[in-house]
Amino acid sequence: MEEFLERSLQMIEQSGWLAPLFFILLHVFRQVFFVPVLLVCLLGGYLFGTFYGSIYSIVGLTLVSILFYGVIGLFPSFRQRLSRLQEKVLKGKHQLNLAQLMVLRIMPFVHFHIISFYLIKTTSSFRQYTERSFLASMPPAIVYTAFGDMIHELPLAGTIVFVIFLVLIMLALRKKETTISWDTFFQKR
């Protein structure tokens, strides 16, 4: 993985005006080499600065989400497995809103495609999925690009405090409504 990142960095630095295109393609191919989103966004901040690195990362992450949408449609058995995993984790009780998904995308231990799969299941069209994927890709691209070094170099205690902070934000942003079925409300005694 380190060798792949080193070669990619050298190629991007030497490519001149094609560097943004190669960086966006690095986002698309990073999952083949099991490179975390965090490292690629850090690389974008190092190479292009916060502003342009964030823009290129948002474009790259959105393209990855679009490719995932196409791939998941090609493999129905994989889609069913992910659906069962999601059902086990959420137990059908939780509905996450876009703000919560944005916060989850920032958390480094939450897999990028789990959020993409949740977006596929909760959107009604490809266009809506693409728009929400674009919006959900903004926070990790901006945070990892701008503050990636700070987050990456935090001591363990600082990292734990940061993760707790993100969890509290996610809980504060959840939907505050409860749906009770007719039969549950009027139970027979």
N, C-alpha and C. Protein backbone atom coordinates (compact mmCIF):
# COMPACT_ATOMS: atom_id res chain seq x y z
N MET A 1 0.84 -1.19 0.00
CA MET A 1 0.00 0.00 0.00
C MET A 1 0.88 1.25 0.00
N GLU A 2 1.94 1.27 0.82
CA GLU A 2 2.80 2.44 0.87
C GLU A 2 3.50 2.65 -0.46
N GLU A 3 3.93 1.55 -1.09
CA GLU A 3 4.59 1.65 -2.37
C GLU A 3 3.64 2.21 -3.43
N PHE A 4 2.38 1.75 -3.40
CA PHE A 4 1.37 2.25 -4.33
C PHE A 4 1.18 3.75 -4.14
N LEU A 5 1.08 4.20 -2.88
CA LEU A 5 0.90 5.62 -2.61
C LEU A 5 2.12 6.43 -3.04
N GLU A 6 3.33 5.90 -2.81
CA GLU A 6 4.54 6.61 -3.23
C GLU A 6 4.59 6.78 -4.74
N ARG A 7 4.33 5.69 -5.46
CA ARG A 7 4.34 5.77 -6.92
C ARG A 7 3.26 6.71 -7.44
N SER A 8 2.09 6.66 -6.81
CA SER A 8 0.99 7.55 -7.21
C SER A 8 1.37 9.00 -6.96
N LEU A 9 1.98 9.29 -5.82
CA LEU A 9 2.40 10.65 -5.49
C LEU A 9 3.40 11.16 -6.51
N GLN A 10 4.40 10.34 -6.85
CA GLN A 10 5.39 10.76 -7.84
C GLN A 10 4.76 11.02 -9.20
N MET A 11 3.86 10.13 -9.61
CA MET A 11 3.21 10.29 -10.91
C MET A 11 2.37 11.57 -10.95
N ILE A 12 1.63 11.82 -9.88
CA ILE A 12 0.78 13.01 -9.84
C ILE A 12 1.62 14.27 -9.82
N GLU A 13 2.71 14.28 -9.03
CA GLU A 13 3.57 15.47 -8.97
C GLU A 13 4.21 15.78 -10.32
N GLN A 14 4.54 14.76 -11.10
CA GLN A 14 5.24 14.95 -12.36
C GLN A 14 4.30 15.13 -13.55
N SER A 15 3.00 15.05 -13.33
CA SER A 15 2.08 15.07 -14.46
C SER A 15 1.60 16.46 -14.86
N GLY A 16 1.97 17.50 -14.13
CA GLY A 16 1.61 18.86 -14.51
C GLY A 16 0.11 19.11 -14.47
N TRP A 17 -0.44 19.59 -15.58
CA TRP A 17 -1.86 19.95 -15.61
C TRP A 17 -2.78 18.74 -15.56
N LEU A 18 -2.26 17.54 -15.78
CA LEU A 18 -3.07 16.32 -15.67
C LEU A 18 -3.16 15.80 -14.23
N ALA A 19 -2.44 16.46 -13.33
CA ALA A 19 -2.41 16.01 -11.93
C ALA A 19 -3.80 15.88 -11.31
N PRO A 20 -4.70 16.85 -11.48
CA PRO A 20 -6.04 16.68 -10.90
C PRO A 20 -6.77 15.45 -11.43
N LEU A 21 -6.64 15.17 -12.72
CA LEU A 21 -7.29 14.00 -13.30
C LEU A 21 -6.72 12.72 -12.70
N PHE A 22 -5.39 12.63 -12.56
CA PHE A 22 -4.78 11.45 -11.96
C PHE A 22 -5.17 11.31 -10.50
N PHE A 23 -5.30 12.42 -9.81
CA PHE A 23 -5.70 12.37 -8.40
C PHE A 23 -7.14 11.85 -8.27
N ILE A 24 -8.03 12.32 -9.14
CA ILE A 24 -9.41 11.85 -9.12
C ILE A 24 -9.45 10.35 -9.46
N LEU A 25 -8.65 9.92 -10.41
CA LEU A 25 -8.58 8.49 -10.75
C LEU A 25 -8.00 7.68 -9.58
N LEU A 26 -7.09 8.28 -8.82
CA LEU A 26 -6.58 7.61 -7.62
C LEU A 26 -7.71 7.33 -6.64
N HIS A 27 -8.63 8.28 -6.50
CA HIS A 27 -9.81 8.05 -5.65
C HIS A 27 -10.62 6.87 -6.17
N VAL A 28 -10.79 6.79 -7.48
CA VAL A 28 -11.61 5.73 -8.06
C VAL A 28 -10.94 4.36 -7.87
N PHE A 29 -9.62 4.28 -8.03
CA PHE A 29 -8.92 3.00 -7.95
C PHE A 29 -8.40 2.67 -6.56
N ARG A 30 -8.55 3.54 -5.60
CA ARG A 30 -8.00 3.31 -4.26
C ARG A 30 -8.60 2.08 -3.61
N GLN A 31 -9.87 1.76 -3.88
CA GLN A 31 -10.49 0.62 -3.21
C GLN A 31 -9.92 -0.70 -3.70
N VAL A 32 -9.40 -0.74 -4.92
CA VAL A 32 -8.80 -1.95 -5.44
C VAL A 32 -7.54 -2.30 -4.63
N PHE A 33 -6.82 -1.26 -4.19
CA PHE A 33 -5.58 -1.44 -3.44
C PHE A 33 -5.78 -1.28 -1.93
N PHE A 34 -7.06 -1.21 -1.49
CA PHE A 34 -7.42 -1.10 -0.07
C PHE A 34 -6.76 0.10 0.60
N VAL A 35 -6.73 1.22 -0.10
CA VAL A 35 -6.20 2.46 0.45
C VAL A 35 -7.36 3.22 1.07
N PRO A 36 -7.26 3.61 2.33
CA PRO A 36 -8.37 4.33 2.98
C PRO A 36 -8.59 5.72 2.38
N VAL A 37 -9.83 6.16 2.45
CA VAL A 37 -10.21 7.50 1.97
C VAL A 37 -9.36 8.57 2.66
N LEU A 38 -9.14 8.38 3.94
CA LEU A 38 -8.37 9.34 4.73
C LEU A 38 -7.01 9.62 4.10
N LEU A 39 -6.28 8.58 3.70
CA LEU A 39 -4.95 8.79 3.14
C LEU A 39 -4.98 9.52 1.81
N VAL A 40 -5.95 9.19 0.97
CA VAL A 40 -6.04 9.85 -0.33
C VAL A 40 -6.40 11.33 -0.16
N CYS A 41 -7.31 11.63 0.76
CA CYS A 41 -7.67 13.03 1.00
C CYS A 41 -6.50 13.80 1.61
N LEU A 42 -5.74 13.15 2.50
CA LEU A 42 -4.53 13.79 3.04
C LEU A 42 -3.55 14.11 1.92
N LEU A 43 -3.40 13.18 1.00
CA LEU A 43 -2.54 13.38 -0.15
C LEU A 43 -3.02 14.57 -0.98
N GLY A 44 -4.34 14.70 -1.15
CA GLY A 44 -4.89 15.83 -1.89
C GLY A 44 -4.57 17.16 -1.23
N GLY A 45 -4.66 17.21 0.10
CA GLY A 45 -4.29 18.44 0.80
C GLY A 45 -2.82 18.76 0.65
N TYR A 46 -1.99 17.74 0.68
CA TYR A 46 -0.54 17.93 0.54
C TYR A 46 -0.19 18.43 -0.86
N LEU A 47 -0.82 17.86 -1.88
CA LEU A 47 -0.48 18.20 -3.26
C LEU A 47 -1.13 19.48 -3.77
N PHE A 48 -2.41 19.68 -3.44
CA PHE A 48 -3.17 20.76 -4.07
C PHE A 48 -3.62 21.85 -3.10
N GLY A 49 -3.41 21.67 -1.83
CA GLY A 49 -3.91 22.63 -0.85
C GLY A 49 -5.34 22.28 -0.45
N THR A 50 -5.83 23.00 0.53
CA THR A 50 -7.14 22.66 1.08
C THR A 50 -8.26 22.86 0.07
N PHE A 51 -8.28 23.99 -0.61
CA PHE A 51 -9.40 24.30 -1.50
C PHE A 51 -9.48 23.33 -2.68
N TYR A 52 -8.41 23.28 -3.48
CA TYR A 52 -8.44 22.42 -4.67
C TYR A 52 -8.41 20.94 -4.29
N GLY A 53 -7.68 20.59 -3.26
CA GLY A 53 -7.67 19.20 -2.81
C GLY A 53 -9.06 18.73 -2.40
N SER A 54 -9.81 19.62 -1.72
CA SER A 54 -11.18 19.27 -1.32
C SER A 54 -12.08 19.10 -2.54
N ILE A 55 -11.97 20.00 -3.49
CA ILE A 55 -12.80 19.90 -4.71
C ILE A 55 -12.51 18.60 -5.45
N TYR A 56 -11.23 18.29 -5.65
CA TYR A 56 -10.87 17.07 -6.37
C TYR A 56 -11.31 15.83 -5.59
N SER A 57 -11.21 15.88 -4.27
CA SER A 57 -11.64 14.74 -3.46
C SER A 57 -13.15 14.55 -3.52
N ILE A 58 -13.90 15.64 -3.49
CA ILE A 58 -15.36 15.54 -3.60
C ILE A 58 -15.75 14.92 -4.93
N VAL A 59 -15.11 15.36 -6.00
CA VAL A 59 -15.40 14.78 -7.33
C VAL A 59 -15.03 13.30 -7.35
N GLY A 60 -13.86 12.96 -6.82
CA GLY A 60 -13.42 11.57 -6.81
C GLY A 60 -14.33 10.68 -5.97
N LEU A 61 -14.72 11.15 -4.77
CA LEU A 61 -15.58 10.36 -3.91
C LEU A 61 -16.98 10.20 -4.51
N THR A 62 -17.47 11.22 -5.19
CA THR A 62 -18.77 11.11 -5.86
C THR A 62 -18.71 10.10 -7.00
N LEU A 63 -17.61 10.11 -7.76
CA LEU A 63 -17.45 9.12 -8.82
C LEU A 63 -17.38 7.70 -8.26
N VAL A 64 -16.71 7.53 -7.12
CA VAL A 64 -16.64 6.22 -6.48
C VAL A 64 -18.04 5.76 -6.09
N SER A 65 -18.85 6.67 -5.56
CA SER A 65 -20.22 6.32 -5.17
C SER A 65 -21.05 5.93 -6.38
N ILE A 66 -20.88 6.63 -7.48
CA ILE A 66 -21.62 6.32 -8.71
C ILE A 66 -21.21 4.94 -9.22
N LEU A 67 -19.91 4.63 -9.20
CA LEU A 67 -19.45 3.30 -9.62
C LEU A 67 -20.00 2.21 -8.70
N PHE A 68 -20.06 2.49 -7.40
CA PHE A 68 -20.60 1.53 -6.45
C PHE A 68 -22.07 1.25 -6.77
N TYR A 69 -22.81 2.28 -7.13
CA TYR A 69 -24.22 2.13 -7.50
C TYR A 69 -24.35 1.16 -8.67
N GLY A 70 -23.48 1.30 -9.66
CA GLY A 70 -23.52 0.40 -10.82
C GLY A 70 -23.10 -1.01 -10.48
N VAL A 71 -22.06 -1.15 -9.67
CA VAL A 71 -21.55 -2.48 -9.31
C VAL A 71 -22.55 -3.23 -8.44
N ILE A 72 -23.17 -2.56 -7.51
CA ILE A 72 -24.12 -3.23 -6.61
C ILE A 72 -25.33 -3.73 -7.40
N GLY A 73 -25.66 -3.05 -8.49
CA GLY A 73 -26.76 -3.51 -9.34
C GLY A 73 -26.41 -4.75 -10.14
N LEU A 74 -25.11 -4.97 -10.38
CA LEU A 74 -24.66 -6.13 -11.15
C LEU A 74 -24.60 -7.41 -10.31
N PHE A 75 -24.51 -7.27 -8.99
CA PHE A 75 -24.35 -8.43 -8.11
C PHE A 75 -25.48 -8.47 -7.08
N PRO A 76 -26.64 -9.04 -7.45
CA PRO A 76 -27.77 -9.06 -6.52
C PRO A 76 -27.50 -9.86 -5.25
N SER A 77 -26.68 -10.91 -5.32
CA SER A 77 -26.40 -11.70 -4.11
C SER A 77 -25.60 -10.87 -3.11
N PHE A 78 -24.68 -10.07 -3.60
CA PHE A 78 -23.90 -9.19 -2.73
C PHE A 78 -24.80 -8.13 -2.11
N ARG A 79 -25.73 -7.63 -2.91
CA ARG A 79 -26.69 -6.65 -2.40
C ARG A 79 -27.54 -7.25 -1.28
N GLN A 80 -27.95 -8.50 -1.44
CA GLN A 80 -28.75 -9.16 -0.40
C GLN A 80 -27.94 -9.36 0.87
N ARG A 81 -26.67 -9.72 0.74
CA ARG A 81 -25.82 -9.88 1.92
C ARG A 81 -25.65 -8.56 2.66
N LEU A 82 -25.40 -7.49 1.91
CA LEU A 82 -25.28 -6.18 2.54
C LEU A 82 -26.58 -5.77 3.21
N SER A 83 -27.68 -6.11 2.59
CA SER A 83 -28.98 -5.79 3.16
C SER A 83 -29.20 -6.53 4.48
N ARG A 84 -28.81 -7.81 4.53
CA ARG A 84 -28.93 -8.56 5.79
C ARG A 84 -28.01 -7.99 6.86
N LEU A 85 -26.80 -7.61 6.47
CA LEU A 85 -25.87 -7.00 7.42
C LEU A 85 -26.43 -5.70 7.97
N GLN A 86 -26.99 -4.88 7.09
CA GLN A 86 -27.59 -3.62 7.52
C GLN A 86 -28.76 -3.88 8.48
N GLU A 87 -29.56 -4.88 8.17
CA GLU A 87 -30.70 -5.22 9.03
C GLU A 87 -30.23 -5.67 10.41
N LYS A 88 -29.15 -6.44 10.46
CA LYS A 88 -28.60 -6.87 11.75
C LYS A 88 -28.09 -5.69 12.57
N VAL A 89 -27.41 -4.79 11.90
CA VAL A 89 -26.82 -3.65 12.61
C VAL A 89 -27.89 -2.66 13.05
N LEU A 90 -28.77 -2.28 12.15
CA LEU A 90 -29.78 -1.26 12.48
C LEU A 90 -31.07 -1.85 13.04
N LYS A 91 -31.28 -3.15 12.84
CA LYS A 91 -32.47 -3.84 13.33
C LYS A 91 -33.77 -3.20 12.85
N GLY A 92 -33.73 -2.51 11.71
CA GLY A 92 -34.92 -1.93 11.11
C GLY A 92 -35.54 -0.79 11.89
N LYS A 93 -34.87 -0.32 12.92
CA LYS A 93 -35.48 0.69 13.79
C LYS A 93 -34.96 2.10 13.54
N HIS A 94 -33.83 2.21 12.91
CA HIS A 94 -33.21 3.52 12.79
C HIS A 94 -33.30 4.05 11.36
N GLN A 95 -33.69 5.28 11.24
CA GLN A 95 -33.67 5.98 9.97
C GLN A 95 -32.66 7.12 10.11
N LEU A 96 -31.57 7.05 9.38
CA LEU A 96 -30.54 8.07 9.46
C LEU A 96 -30.84 9.16 8.44
N ASN A 97 -30.68 10.40 8.85
CA ASN A 97 -30.89 11.50 7.90
C ASN A 97 -29.55 11.87 7.26
N LEU A 98 -29.58 12.78 6.31
CA LEU A 98 -28.39 13.14 5.55
C LEU A 98 -27.30 13.73 6.45
N ALA A 99 -27.69 14.55 7.43
CA ALA A 99 -26.70 15.14 8.33
C ALA A 99 -25.97 14.05 9.13
N GLN A 100 -26.69 13.04 9.58
CA GLN A 100 -26.05 11.94 10.30
C GLN A 100 -25.11 11.15 9.39
N LEU A 101 -25.52 10.95 8.14
CA LEU A 101 -24.67 10.23 7.19
C LEU A 101 -23.40 11.02 6.90
N MET A 102 -23.52 12.34 6.86
CA MET A 102 -22.34 13.18 6.65
C MET A 102 -21.35 13.01 7.80
N VAL A 103 -21.87 12.97 9.03
CA VAL A 103 -21.00 12.79 10.19
C VAL A 103 -20.39 11.39 10.17
N LEU A 104 -21.18 10.38 9.81
CA LEU A 104 -20.65 9.02 9.74
C LEU A 104 -19.54 8.90 8.70
N ARG A 105 -19.66 9.63 7.60
CA ARG A 105 -18.62 9.58 6.57
C ARG A 105 -17.30 10.15 7.07
N ILE A 106 -17.36 11.05 8.05
CA ILE A 106 -16.12 11.62 8.60
C ILE A 106 -15.39 10.59 9.46
N MET A 107 -16.13 9.71 10.10
CA MET A 107 -15.52 8.73 11.01
C MET A 107 -14.67 7.74 10.22
N PRO A 108 -13.39 7.64 10.57
CA PRO A 108 -12.49 6.80 9.77
C PRO A 108 -12.78 5.31 9.86
N PHE A 109 -13.44 4.83 10.90
CA PHE A 109 -13.67 3.39 11.03
C PHE A 109 -14.98 2.93 10.41
N VAL A 110 -15.78 3.85 9.88
CA VAL A 110 -17.01 3.48 9.18
C VAL A 110 -16.68 3.37 7.70
N HIS A 111 -16.94 2.21 7.13
CA HIS A 111 -16.57 1.96 5.74
C HIS A 111 -17.37 2.86 4.79
N PHE A 112 -16.69 3.41 3.81
CA PHE A 112 -17.27 4.35 2.85
C PHE A 112 -18.48 3.75 2.14
N HIS A 113 -18.38 2.49 1.72
CA HIS A 113 -19.45 1.89 0.92
C HIS A 113 -20.65 1.45 1.75
N ILE A 114 -20.50 1.32 3.05
CA ILE A 114 -21.66 1.03 3.89
C ILE A 114 -22.63 2.22 3.84
N ILE A 115 -22.07 3.42 3.89
CA ILE A 115 -22.90 4.62 3.78
C ILE A 115 -23.51 4.71 2.38
N SER A 116 -22.73 4.38 1.36
CA SER A 116 -23.25 4.39 -0.01
C SER A 116 -24.40 3.40 -0.16
N PHE A 117 -24.25 2.22 0.44
CA PHE A 117 -25.33 1.23 0.36
C PHE A 117 -26.59 1.73 1.06
N TYR A 118 -26.41 2.36 2.21
CA TYR A 118 -27.56 2.92 2.92
C TYR A 118 -28.25 3.98 2.05
N LEU A 119 -27.47 4.79 1.36
CA LEU A 119 -28.04 5.80 0.46
C LEU A 119 -28.80 5.15 -0.70
N ILE A 120 -28.29 4.04 -1.22
CA ILE A 120 -28.99 3.33 -2.30
C ILE A 120 -30.35 2.86 -1.80
N LYS A 121 -30.37 2.30 -0.60
CA LYS A 121 -31.61 1.74 -0.05
C LYS A 121 -32.64 2.82 0.29
N THR A 122 -32.19 4.02 0.59
CA THR A 122 -33.11 5.06 1.07
C THR A 122 -33.43 6.12 0.03
N THR A 123 -32.89 6.01 -1.16
CA THR A 123 -33.21 6.98 -2.21
C THR A 123 -34.09 6.31 -3.26
N SER A 124 -34.84 7.12 -3.96
CA SER A 124 -35.81 6.58 -4.92
C SER A 124 -35.32 6.59 -6.37
N SER A 125 -34.24 7.30 -6.64
CA SER A 125 -33.75 7.36 -8.02
C SER A 125 -32.24 7.53 -8.04
N PHE A 126 -31.65 7.28 -9.20
CA PHE A 126 -30.21 7.46 -9.36
C PHE A 126 -29.81 8.91 -9.15
N ARG A 127 -30.62 9.82 -9.63
CA ARG A 127 -30.32 11.25 -9.48
C ARG A 127 -30.31 11.65 -8.00
N GLN A 128 -31.31 11.21 -7.25
CA GLN A 128 -31.36 11.53 -5.83
C GLN A 128 -30.17 10.90 -5.10
N TYR A 129 -29.82 9.68 -5.48
CA TYR A 129 -28.65 9.02 -4.88
C TYR A 129 -27.38 9.82 -5.17
N THR A 130 -27.22 10.26 -6.41
CA THR A 130 -26.02 11.01 -6.79
C THR A 130 -25.94 12.33 -6.03
N GLU A 131 -27.05 13.02 -5.92
CA GLU A 131 -27.06 14.30 -5.18
C GLU A 131 -26.69 14.09 -3.71
N ARG A 132 -27.28 13.08 -3.09
CA ARG A 132 -26.99 12.82 -1.67
C ARG A 132 -25.57 12.30 -1.48
N SER A 133 -25.08 11.52 -2.43
CA SER A 133 -23.69 11.06 -2.34
C SER A 133 -22.73 12.23 -2.46
N PHE A 134 -23.04 13.16 -3.34
CA PHE A 134 -22.21 14.36 -3.49
C PHE A 134 -22.17 15.13 -2.18
N LEU A 135 -23.34 15.34 -1.58
CA LEU A 135 -23.40 16.08 -0.32
C LEU A 135 -22.71 15.32 0.82
N ALA A 136 -22.90 14.01 0.86
CA ALA A 136 -22.28 13.21 1.92
C ALA A 136 -20.77 13.08 1.74
N SER A 137 -20.27 13.34 0.54
CA SER A 137 -18.83 13.28 0.30
C SER A 137 -18.11 14.56 0.69
N MET A 138 -18.85 15.62 0.87
CA MET A 138 -18.21 16.89 1.21
C MET A 138 -17.49 16.89 2.56
N PRO A 139 -18.14 16.47 3.64
CA PRO A 139 -17.46 16.55 4.93
C PRO A 139 -16.14 15.78 5.02
N PRO A 140 -16.07 14.50 4.59
CA PRO A 140 -14.77 13.85 4.71
C PRO A 140 -13.71 14.47 3.83
N ALA A 141 -14.10 14.91 2.62
CA ALA A 141 -13.13 15.52 1.73
C ALA A 141 -12.57 16.80 2.33
N ILE A 142 -13.43 17.63 2.87
CA ILE A 142 -12.97 18.90 3.44
C ILE A 142 -12.21 18.68 4.74
N VAL A 143 -12.76 17.87 5.63
CA VAL A 143 -12.12 17.66 6.94
C VAL A 143 -10.79 16.95 6.78
N TYR A 144 -10.75 15.85 6.02
CA TYR A 144 -9.50 15.12 5.88
C TYR A 144 -8.46 15.93 5.13
N THR A 145 -8.88 16.73 4.17
CA THR A 145 -7.93 17.52 3.42
C THR A 145 -7.39 18.68 4.27
N ALA A 146 -8.28 19.39 4.93
CA ALA A 146 -7.87 20.57 5.69
C ALA A 146 -7.24 20.23 7.04
N PHE A 147 -7.85 19.29 7.75
CA PHE A 147 -7.40 19.01 9.10
C PHE A 147 -6.83 17.60 9.25
N GLY A 148 -6.57 16.95 8.14
CA GLY A 148 -6.11 15.57 8.16
C GLY A 148 -4.84 15.36 8.98
N ASP A 149 -3.89 16.23 8.82
CA ASP A 149 -2.66 16.07 9.60
C ASP A 149 -2.93 16.18 11.09
N MET A 150 -3.81 17.11 11.46
CA MET A 150 -4.13 17.29 12.87
C MET A 150 -4.84 16.05 13.42
N ILE A 151 -5.83 15.53 12.68
CA ILE A 151 -6.56 14.35 13.13
C ILE A 151 -5.63 13.14 13.15
N HIS A 152 -4.80 13.01 12.11
CA HIS A 152 -3.92 11.86 11.97
C HIS A 152 -2.85 11.82 13.06
N GLU A 153 -2.39 12.97 13.50
CA GLU A 153 -1.30 13.02 14.48
C GLU A 153 -1.77 13.24 15.91
N LEU A 154 -3.07 13.23 16.12
CA LEU A 154 -3.57 13.35 17.49
C LEU A 154 -3.13 12.16 18.32
N PRO A 155 -2.85 12.36 19.60
CA PRO A 155 -2.58 11.19 20.45
C PRO A 155 -3.87 10.38 20.61
N LEU A 156 -3.74 9.18 21.14
CA LEU A 156 -4.88 8.28 21.27
C LEU A 156 -6.02 8.93 22.05
N ALA A 157 -5.72 9.63 23.12
CA ALA A 157 -6.76 10.29 23.93
C ALA A 157 -7.48 11.35 23.10
N GLY A 158 -6.76 12.11 22.30
CA GLY A 158 -7.38 13.11 21.44
C GLY A 158 -8.28 12.49 20.39
N THR A 159 -7.84 11.37 19.84
CA THR A 159 -8.65 10.66 18.85
C THR A 159 -9.94 10.15 19.47
N ILE A 160 -9.86 9.60 20.68
CA ILE A 160 -11.06 9.09 21.36
C ILE A 160 -12.03 10.23 21.65
N VAL A 161 -11.52 11.37 22.10
CA VAL A 161 -12.38 12.53 22.36
C VAL A 161 -13.04 13.00 21.06
N PHE A 162 -12.29 13.01 19.97
CA PHE A 162 -12.85 13.44 18.68
C PHE A 162 -13.95 12.49 18.22
N VAL A 163 -13.75 11.18 18.35
CA VAL A 163 -14.76 10.21 17.95
C VAL A 163 -16.01 10.34 18.83
N ILE A 164 -15.83 10.53 20.13
CA ILE A 164 -16.98 10.74 21.02
C ILE A 164 -17.74 11.99 20.61
N PHE A 165 -17.03 13.04 20.27
CA PHE A 165 -17.65 14.28 19.80
C PHE A 165 -18.48 14.03 18.54
N LEU A 166 -17.94 13.27 17.59
CA LEU A 166 -18.68 12.97 16.36
C LEU A 166 -19.92 12.12 16.64
N VAL A 167 -19.81 11.16 17.56
CA VAL A 167 -20.97 10.34 17.92
C VAL A 167 -22.06 11.20 18.55
N LEU A 168 -21.67 12.12 19.43
CA LEU A 168 -22.65 13.01 20.07
C LEU A 168 -23.34 13.90 19.03
N ILE A 169 -22.59 14.39 18.06
CA ILE A 169 -23.19 15.20 16.99
C ILE A 169 -24.18 14.35 16.20
N MET A 170 -23.79 13.11 15.86
CA MET A 170 -24.68 12.23 15.10
C MET A 170 -25.98 11.97 15.87
N LEU A 171 -25.87 11.74 17.17
CA LEU A 171 -27.06 11.50 17.98
C LEU A 171 -27.93 12.75 18.08
N ALA A 172 -27.31 13.90 18.16
CA ALA A 172 -28.07 15.15 18.26
C ALA A 172 -28.81 15.46 16.96
N LEU A 173 -28.30 14.98 15.84
CA LEU A 173 -28.91 15.28 14.54
C LEU A 173 -29.95 14.26 14.09
N ARG A 174 -30.21 13.24 14.88
CA ARG A 174 -31.15 12.20 14.47
C ARG A 174 -32.58 12.73 14.42
N LYS A 175 -33.42 12.00 13.70
CA LYS A 175 -34.83 12.37 13.63
C LYS A 175 -35.44 12.21 15.01
N LYS A 176 -36.31 13.12 15.35
CA LYS A 176 -36.90 13.11 16.67
C LYS A 176 -38.38 12.74 16.61
N GLU A 177 -38.70 11.75 15.81
CA GLU A 177 -40.09 11.31 15.71
C GLU A 177 -40.14 9.80 15.92
N THR A 178 -41.23 9.35 16.44
CA THR A 178 -41.44 7.93 16.69
C THR A 178 -42.74 7.52 16.02
N THR A 179 -42.70 6.40 15.31
CA THR A 179 -43.88 5.88 14.66
C THR A 179 -44.34 4.66 15.43
N ILE A 180 -45.58 4.69 15.86
CA ILE A 180 -46.15 3.57 16.60
C ILE A 180 -47.29 3.01 15.76
N SER A 181 -47.26 1.70 15.54
CA SER A 181 -48.32 1.09 14.73
C SER A 181 -49.62 1.07 15.52
N TRP A 182 -50.71 0.95 14.82
CA TRP A 182 -52.04 0.95 15.42
C TRP A 182 -52.18 -0.21 16.40
N ASP A 183 -51.70 -1.40 15.99
CA ASP A 183 -51.82 -2.58 16.84
C ASP A 183 -50.99 -2.46 18.11
N THR A 184 -49.85 -1.84 18.03
CA THR A 184 -49.01 -1.67 19.22
C THR A 184 -49.64 -0.69 20.19
N PHE A 185 -50.23 0.37 19.66
CA PHE A 185 -50.83 1.39 20.51
C PHE A 185 -52.07 0.87 21.23
N PHE A 186 -52.90 0.14 20.50
CA PHE A 186 -54.12 -0.42 21.06
C PHE A 186 -53.97 -1.93 21.24
N GLN A 187 -53.15 -2.33 22.16
CA GLN A 187 -52.93 -3.76 22.41
C GLN A 187 -54.14 -4.33 23.14
N LYS A 188 -54.50 -5.55 22.77
CA LYS A 188 -55.60 -6.23 23.45
C LYS A 188 -55.07 -6.83 24.74
N ARG A 189 -55.88 -6.75 25.78
CA ARG A 189 -55.43 -7.25 27.09
C ARG A 189 -56.00 -8.58 27.39
